[in-house]
């Protein structure tokens, strides 16, 4: 099997299985400690860009509950429709993150369990987009794999693509756009084994 082939099917997969995702996505908010670390560096009522927001549960919902102004972008309309129904007062935009071009900046950018569905080259290209949507002081948080490689999982019986760069390359990419790594944890046991990056623009 061409290991990169499922990468092009990610958005259609989530479009077809939006209902199943809503049923299966953990709502325990095991991510809360990282969300709090991110949020403490944002201004009150700050603007957050949730890249690959899905149906808005539970990540976007948490930020909304804290009083932040949220813009969610996702490439699967069926996922976004659920977010709009749940949180009609927030802004939800149908856009593939690989073409992200909103012409504005945000206090915080988060790509939780979304950015790692891109191919390695598409991930490299995203750092320029992170830069264009941030300003000095903006905070960026994303999840990755633990090391360089590709992993094919399954969701609803279909191949689910994941990829990662090496930690050193992520550090270099962040430095190149003026972001300093504040904290990074590989396979954090307190966050369901997620590898998390938290960085801030100088």
C-alpha atoms as a PDB file:
ATOM      1  CA  UNK A   1       0.000   0.000   0.000  1.00  0.00           C
ATOM      2  CA  UNK A   2       1.149   3.519  -0.730  1.00  0.00           C
ATOM      3  CA  UNK A   3       1.577   4.770   2.844  1.00  0.00           C
ATOM      4  CA  UNK A   4       0.902   8.383   1.877  1.00  0.00           C
ATOM      5  CA  UNK A   5      -2.337   7.592  -0.008  1.00  0.00           C
ATOM      6  CA  UNK A   6      -4.610   7.789   3.082  1.00  0.00           C
ATOM      7  CA  UNK A   7      -3.345  11.325   3.719  1.00  0.00           C
ATOM      8  CA  UNK A   8      -5.398  12.625   0.794  1.00  0.00           C
ATOM      9  CA  UNK A   9      -8.502  10.899   2.165  1.00  0.00           C
ATOM     10  CA  UNK A  10      -8.486  12.419   5.661  1.00  0.00           C
ATOM     11  CA  UNK A  11     -11.092  15.109   5.053  1.00  0.00           C
ATOM     12  CA  UNK A  12     -13.467  12.793   3.202  1.00  0.00           C
ATOM     13  CA  UNK A  13     -13.070  10.203   5.952  1.00  0.00           C
ATOM     14  CA  UNK A  14     -14.097  12.674   8.657  1.00  0.00           C
ATOM     15  CA  UNK A  15     -16.892  13.970   6.442  1.00  0.00           C
ATOM     16  CA  UNK A  16     -18.350  10.467   6.096  1.00  0.00           C
ATOM     17  CA  UNK A  17     -17.909   9.535   9.724  1.00  0.00           C
ATOM     18  CA  UNK A  18     -18.711  12.765  11.561  1.00  0.00           C
ATOM     19  CA  UNK A  19     -21.454  11.092  13.590  1.00  0.00           C
ATOM     20  CA  UNK A  20     -19.210   8.209  14.626  1.00  0.00           C
ATOM     21  CA  UNK A  21     -16.472  10.635  15.621  1.00  0.00           C
ATOM     22  CA  UNK A  22     -18.908  12.593  17.800  1.00  0.00           C
ATOM     23  CA  UNK A  23     -19.927   9.380  19.546  1.00  0.00           C
ATOM     24  CA  UNK A  24     -16.405   8.071  20.069  1.00  0.00           C
ATOM     25  CA  UNK A  25     -14.416  11.232  20.870  1.00  0.00           C
ATOM     26  CA  UNK A  26     -13.499  11.275  24.550  1.00  0.00           C
ATOM     27  CA  UNK A  27     -15.193  14.070  26.480  1.00  0.00           C
ATOM     28  CA  UNK A  28     -13.193  13.499  29.662  1.00  0.00           C
ATOM     29  CA  UNK A  29     -10.974  16.493  28.825  1.00  0.00           C
ATOM     30  CA  UNK A  30      -7.750  14.647  29.519  1.00  0.00           C
ATOM     31  CA  UNK A  31      -6.155  17.568  27.645  1.00  0.00           C
ATOM     32  CA  UNK A  32      -7.156  20.104  30.309  1.00  0.00           C
ATOM     33  CA  UNK A  33      -3.730  20.631  31.895  1.00  0.00           C
ATOM     34  CA  UNK A  34      -2.235  21.550  28.513  1.00  0.00           C
ATOM     35  CA  UNK A  35      -5.196  23.757  27.608  1.00  0.00           C
ATOM     36  CA  UNK A  36      -4.684  25.616  30.875  1.00  0.00           C
ATOM     37  CA  UNK A  37      -0.964  26.112  30.181  1.00  0.00           C
ATOM     38  CA  UNK A  38      -1.881  27.534  26.779  1.00  0.00           C
ATOM     39  CA  UNK A  39      -4.678  29.734  28.127  1.00  0.00           C
ATOM     40  CA  UNK A  40      -2.614  31.308  30.909  1.00  0.00           C
ATOM     41  CA  UNK A  41      -0.483  32.989  28.236  1.00  0.00           C
ATOM     42  CA  UNK A  42      -3.459  34.522  26.432  1.00  0.00           C
ATOM     43  CA  UNK A  43      -4.994  37.917  27.180  1.00  0.00           C
ATOM     44  CA  UNK A  44      -8.437  37.998  28.773  1.00  0.00           C
ATOM     45  CA  UNK A  45     -11.078  37.503  26.081  1.00  0.00           C
ATOM     46  CA  UNK A  46      -8.276  36.717  23.636  1.00  0.00           C
ATOM     47  CA  UNK A  47      -8.766  35.401  20.140  1.00  0.00           C
ATOM     48  CA  UNK A  48      -8.076  31.711  19.546  1.00  0.00           C
ATOM     49  CA  UNK A  49      -7.752  29.973  16.172  1.00  0.00           C
ATOM     50  CA  UNK A  50      -8.624  26.274  16.408  1.00  0.00           C
ATOM     51  CA  UNK A  51      -7.065  24.655  13.332  1.00  0.00           C
ATOM     52  CA  UNK A  52      -8.809  21.399  12.507  1.00  0.00           C
ATOM     53  CA  UNK A  53     -11.521  22.114  15.072  1.00  0.00           C
ATOM     54  CA  UNK A  54     -13.759  19.189  14.104  1.00  0.00           C
ATOM     55  CA  UNK A  55     -17.141  19.334  15.828  1.00  0.00           C
ATOM     56  CA  UNK A  56     -15.884  21.706  18.518  1.00  0.00           C
ATOM     57  CA  UNK A  57     -16.050  19.136  21.303  1.00  0.00           C
ATOM     58  CA  UNK A  58     -14.342  19.187  23.723  1.00  0.00           C
ATOM     59  CA  UNK A  59     -11.427  21.516  22.842  1.00  0.00           C
ATOM     60  CA  UNK A  60     -13.220  24.521  21.336  1.00  0.00           C
ATOM     61  CA  UNK A  61     -15.972  24.131  23.916  1.00  0.00           C
ATOM     62  CA  UNK A  62     -13.449  24.551  26.722  1.00  0.00           C
ATOM     63  CA  UNK A  63     -12.014  27.768  25.265  1.00  0.00           C
ATOM     64  CA  UNK A  64     -15.497  29.176  24.708  1.00  0.00           C
ATOM     65  CA  UNK A  65     -16.394  28.395  28.316  1.00  0.00           C
ATOM     66  CA  UNK A  66     -13.317  30.355  29.465  1.00  0.00           C
ATOM     67  CA  UNK A  67     -14.535  33.455  27.612  1.00  0.00           C
ATOM     68  CA  UNK A  68     -12.193  33.372  24.619  1.00  0.00           C
ATOM     69  CA  UNK A  69     -13.343  34.411  21.154  1.00  0.00           C
ATOM     70  CA  UNK A  70     -12.975  31.330  19.011  1.00  0.00           C
ATOM     71  CA  UNK A  71     -12.559  30.885  15.278  1.00  0.00           C
ATOM     72  CA  UNK A  72     -12.657  27.253  14.218  1.00  0.00           C
ATOM     73  CA  UNK A  73     -11.520  26.033  10.819  1.00  0.00           C
ATOM     74  CA  UNK A  74     -11.995  22.555   9.424  1.00  0.00           C
ATOM     75  CA  UNK A  75     -12.081  20.934   6.005  1.00  0.00           C
ATOM     76  CA  UNK A  76     -15.030  18.602   6.720  1.00  0.00           C
ATOM     77  CA  UNK A  77     -18.409  20.418   6.492  1.00  0.00           C
ATOM     78  CA  UNK A  78     -20.244  17.712   8.423  1.00  0.00           C
ATOM     79  CA  UNK A  79     -17.938  18.253  11.392  1.00  0.00           C
ATOM     80  CA  UNK A  80     -18.307  22.034  11.220  1.00  0.00           C
ATOM     81  CA  UNK A  81     -22.086  21.822  11.096  1.00  0.00           C
ATOM     82  CA  UNK A  82     -22.097  20.101  14.467  1.00  0.00           C
ATOM     83  CA  UNK A  83     -19.872  22.850  15.860  1.00  0.00           C
ATOM     84  CA  UNK A  84     -22.185  25.553  14.484  1.00  0.00           C
ATOM     85  CA  UNK A  85     -25.239  23.901  16.003  1.00  0.00           C
ATOM     86  CA  UNK A  86     -23.581  23.631  19.402  1.00  0.00           C
ATOM     87  CA  UNK A  87     -21.974  27.091  19.448  1.00  0.00           C
ATOM     88  CA  UNK A  88     -23.790  29.383  16.987  1.00  0.00           C
ATOM     89  CA  UNK A  89     -22.255  32.579  18.392  1.00  0.00           C
ATOM     90  CA  UNK A  90     -18.696  31.570  17.465  1.00  0.00           C
ATOM     91  CA  UNK A  91     -17.100  31.711  14.012  1.00  0.00           C
ATOM     92  CA  UNK A  92     -16.739  28.438  12.089  1.00  0.00           C
ATOM     93  CA  UNK A  93     -15.010  28.446   8.695  1.00  0.00           C
ATOM     94  CA  UNK A  94     -14.843  25.674   6.109  1.00  0.00           C
ATOM     95  CA  UNK A  95     -11.212  25.654   5.015  1.00  0.00           C
ATOM     96  CA  UNK A  96      -8.483  23.111   4.492  1.00  0.00           C
ATOM     97  CA  UNK A  97      -5.683  24.082   6.878  1.00  0.00           C
ATOM     98  CA  UNK A  98      -3.176  23.581   4.069  1.00  0.00           C
ATOM     99  CA  UNK A  99      -4.695  26.629   2.352  1.00  0.00           C
ATOM    100  CA  UNK A 100      -5.239  28.648   5.522  1.00  0.00           C
ATOM    101  CA  UNK A 101      -5.227  32.353   4.624  1.00  0.00           C
ATOM    102  CA  UNK A 102      -7.533  34.402   6.856  1.00  0.00           C
ATOM    103  CA  UNK A 103      -5.629  37.691   6.593  1.00  0.00           C
ATOM    104  CA  UNK A 104      -5.673  38.232  10.362  1.00  0.00           C
ATOM    105  CA  UNK A 105      -3.717  37.215  13.446  1.00  0.00           C
ATOM    106  CA  UNK A 106      -4.714  35.529  16.686  1.00  0.00           C
ATOM    107  CA  UNK A 107      -3.515  35.501  20.280  1.00  0.00           C
ATOM    108  CA  UNK A 108      -3.467  31.716  20.300  1.00  0.00           C
ATOM    109  CA  UNK A 109      -3.315  29.000  17.634  1.00  0.00           C
ATOM    110  CA  UNK A 110      -4.041  25.378  18.422  1.00  0.00           C
ATOM    111  CA  UNK A 111      -3.867  22.316  16.160  1.00  0.00           C
ATOM    112  CA  UNK A 112      -4.770  19.467  18.484  1.00  0.00           C
ATOM    113  CA  UNK A 113      -4.905  16.012  16.880  1.00  0.00           C
ATOM    114  CA  UNK A 114      -5.297  17.587  13.444  1.00  0.00           C
ATOM    115  CA  UNK A 115      -1.911  18.816  12.200  1.00  0.00           C
ATOM    116  CA  UNK A 116      -0.490  15.288  12.510  1.00  0.00           C
ATOM    117  CA  UNK A 117      -2.860  14.036   9.785  1.00  0.00           C
ATOM    118  CA  UNK A 118      -0.843  16.008   7.201  1.00  0.00           C
ATOM    119  CA  UNK A 119       2.058  14.580   5.246  1.00  0.00           C
ATOM    120  CA  UNK A 120       5.504  15.573   6.444  1.00  0.00           C
ATOM    121  CA  UNK A 121       5.942  18.079   3.600  1.00  0.00           C
ATOM    122  CA  UNK A 122       2.517  19.609   4.263  1.00  0.00           C
ATOM    123  CA  UNK A 123       3.457  19.939   7.920  1.00  0.00           C
ATOM    124  CA  UNK A 124       6.618  21.799   6.947  1.00  0.00           C
ATOM    125  CA  UNK A 125       4.536  24.192   4.842  1.00  0.00           C
ATOM    126  CA  UNK A 126       2.187  24.885   7.760  1.00  0.00           C
ATOM    127  CA  UNK A 127       4.790  26.778   9.766  1.00  0.00           C
ATOM    128  CA  UNK A 128       4.644  29.730   7.366  1.00  0.00           C
ATOM    129  CA  UNK A 129       0.861  29.710   7.828  1.00  0.00           C
ATOM    130  CA  UNK A 130       1.246  29.665  11.598  1.00  0.00           C
ATOM    131  CA  UNK A 131       3.513  32.700  11.243  1.00  0.00           C
ATOM    132  CA  UNK A 132       1.051  34.611   9.059  1.00  0.00           C
ATOM    133  CA  UNK A 133      -1.760  34.083  11.584  1.00  0.00           C
ATOM    134  CA  UNK A 134       0.264  35.083  14.654  1.00  0.00           C
ATOM    135  CA  UNK A 135       1.809  38.214  16.110  1.00  0.00           C
ATOM    136  CA  UNK A 136       4.440  38.851  18.807  1.00  0.00           C
ATOM    137  CA  UNK A 137       3.284  37.074  21.952  1.00  0.00           C
ATOM    138  CA  UNK A 138       0.980  34.637  20.155  1.00  0.00           C
ATOM    139  CA  UNK A 139       0.942  31.136  21.611  1.00  0.00           C
ATOM    140  CA  UNK A 140       0.984  27.978  19.470  1.00  0.00           C
ATOM    141  CA  UNK A 141       0.174  24.456  20.622  1.00  0.00           C
ATOM    142  CA  UNK A 142       0.010  21.295  18.541  1.00  0.00           C
ATOM    143  CA  UNK A 143       0.291  17.536  18.884  1.00  0.00           C
ATOM    144  CA  UNK A 144       2.719  15.431  16.865  1.00  0.00           C
ATOM    145  CA  UNK A 145       4.174  11.963  16.796  1.00  0.00           C
ATOM    146  CA  UNK A 146       7.133  11.114  19.048  1.00  0.00           C
ATOM    147  CA  UNK A 147       9.658  10.977  16.211  1.00  0.00           C
ATOM    148  CA  UNK A 148      10.113  11.106  12.444  1.00  0.00           C
ATOM    149  CA  UNK A 149       7.798   8.674  10.672  1.00  0.00           C
ATOM    150  CA  UNK A 150       4.412   7.686   9.302  1.00  0.00           C
ATOM    151  CA  UNK A 151       1.760   5.637  11.087  1.00  0.00           C
ATOM    152  CA  UNK A 152      -1.454   4.268   9.625  1.00  0.00           C
ATOM    153  CA  UNK A 153      -4.226   3.716  12.110  1.00  0.00           C
ATOM    154  CA  UNK A 154      -7.889   2.877  11.553  1.00  0.00           C
ATOM    155  CA  UNK A 155     -11.170   4.683  12.043  1.00  0.00           C
ATOM    156  CA  UNK A 156     -14.487   3.059  11.171  1.00  0.00           C
ATOM    157  CA  UNK A 157     -12.611   0.361   9.248  1.00  0.00           C
ATOM    158  CA  UNK A 158     -10.713   2.847   7.059  1.00  0.00           C
ATOM    159  CA  UNK A 159      -7.038   3.757   6.992  1.00  0.00           C
ATOM    160  CA  UNK A 160      -6.250   6.815   9.127  1.00  0.00           C
ATOM    161  CA  UNK A 161      -3.020   8.609   8.243  1.00  0.00           C
ATOM    162  CA  UNK A 162      -0.627  10.158  10.769  1.00  0.00           C
ATOM    163  CA  UNK A 163       2.847  11.573  10.221  1.00  0.00           C
ATOM    164  CA  UNK A 164       5.485  13.314  12.259  1.00  0.00           C
ATOM    165  CA  UNK A 165       8.762  15.109  11.836  1.00  0.00           C
ATOM    166  CA  UNK A 166      11.656  14.536  14.205  1.00  0.00           C
ATOM    167  CA  UNK A 167      11.594  16.680  17.375  1.00  0.00           C
ATOM    168  CA  UNK A 168      14.715  18.500  16.229  1.00  0.00           C
ATOM    169  CA  UNK A 169      13.049  19.512  12.999  1.00  0.00           C
ATOM    170  CA  UNK A 170       9.960  20.810  14.781  1.00  0.00           C
ATOM    171  CA  UNK A 171      12.246  22.906  16.978  1.00  0.00           C
ATOM    172  CA  UNK A 172      14.029  24.263  13.912  1.00  0.00           C
ATOM    173  CA  UNK A 173      10.770  25.032  12.115  1.00  0.00           C
ATOM    174  CA  UNK A 174       9.449  26.891  15.156  1.00  0.00           C
ATOM    175  CA  UNK A 175      12.681  28.850  15.587  1.00  0.00           C
ATOM    176  CA  UNK A 176      12.612  29.858  11.925  1.00  0.00           C
ATOM    177  CA  UNK A 177       9.259  31.620  12.420  1.00  0.00           C
ATOM    178  CA  UNK A 178      10.284  33.235  15.700  1.00  0.00           C
ATOM    179  CA  UNK A 179       8.651  30.843  18.162  1.00  0.00           C
ATOM    180  CA  UNK A 180      10.355  29.680  21.348  1.00  0.00           C
ATOM    181  CA  UNK A 181       9.438  26.256  22.715  1.00  0.00           C
ATOM    182  CA  UNK A 182       8.023  26.715  26.203  1.00  0.00           C
ATOM    183  CA  UNK A 183       7.335  23.068  26.902  1.00  0.00           C
ATOM    184  CA  UNK A 184       7.345  19.801  24.989  1.00  0.00           C
ATOM    185  CA  UNK A 185       6.416  16.383  26.285  1.00  0.00           C
ATOM    186  CA  UNK A 186       6.819  13.127  24.372  1.00  0.00           C
ATOM    187  CA  UNK A 187       3.930  10.703  24.864  1.00  0.00           C
ATOM    188  CA  UNK A 188       2.741  12.473  28.007  1.00  0.00           C
ATOM    189  CA  UNK A 189       1.287   9.786  30.306  1.00  0.00           C
ATOM    190  CA  UNK A 190      -0.943  12.407  31.927  1.00  0.00           C
ATOM    191  CA  UNK A 191      -2.454  13.297  28.536  1.00  0.00           C
ATOM    192  CA  UNK A 192      -3.367   9.872  27.126  1.00  0.00           C
ATOM    193  CA  UNK A 193       0.083   9.472  25.580  1.00  0.00           C
ATOM    194  CA  UNK A 194      -0.072  12.591  23.405  1.00  0.00           C
ATOM    195  CA  UNK A 195       3.128  14.311  22.296  1.00  0.00           C
ATOM    196  CA  UNK A 196       2.516  18.009  22.850  1.00  0.00           C
ATOM    197  CA  UNK A 197       4.344  21.189  21.809  1.00  0.00           C
ATOM    198  CA  UNK A 198       3.714  24.570  23.411  1.00  0.00           C
ATOM    199  CA  UNK A 199       5.530  27.575  21.957  1.00  0.00           C
ATOM    200  CA  UNK A 200       5.303  31.355  21.953  1.00  0.00           C
ATOM    201  CA  UNK A 201       6.302  33.950  19.403  1.00  0.00           C
ATOM    202  CA  UNK A 202       8.956  36.385  20.566  1.00  0.00           C
END
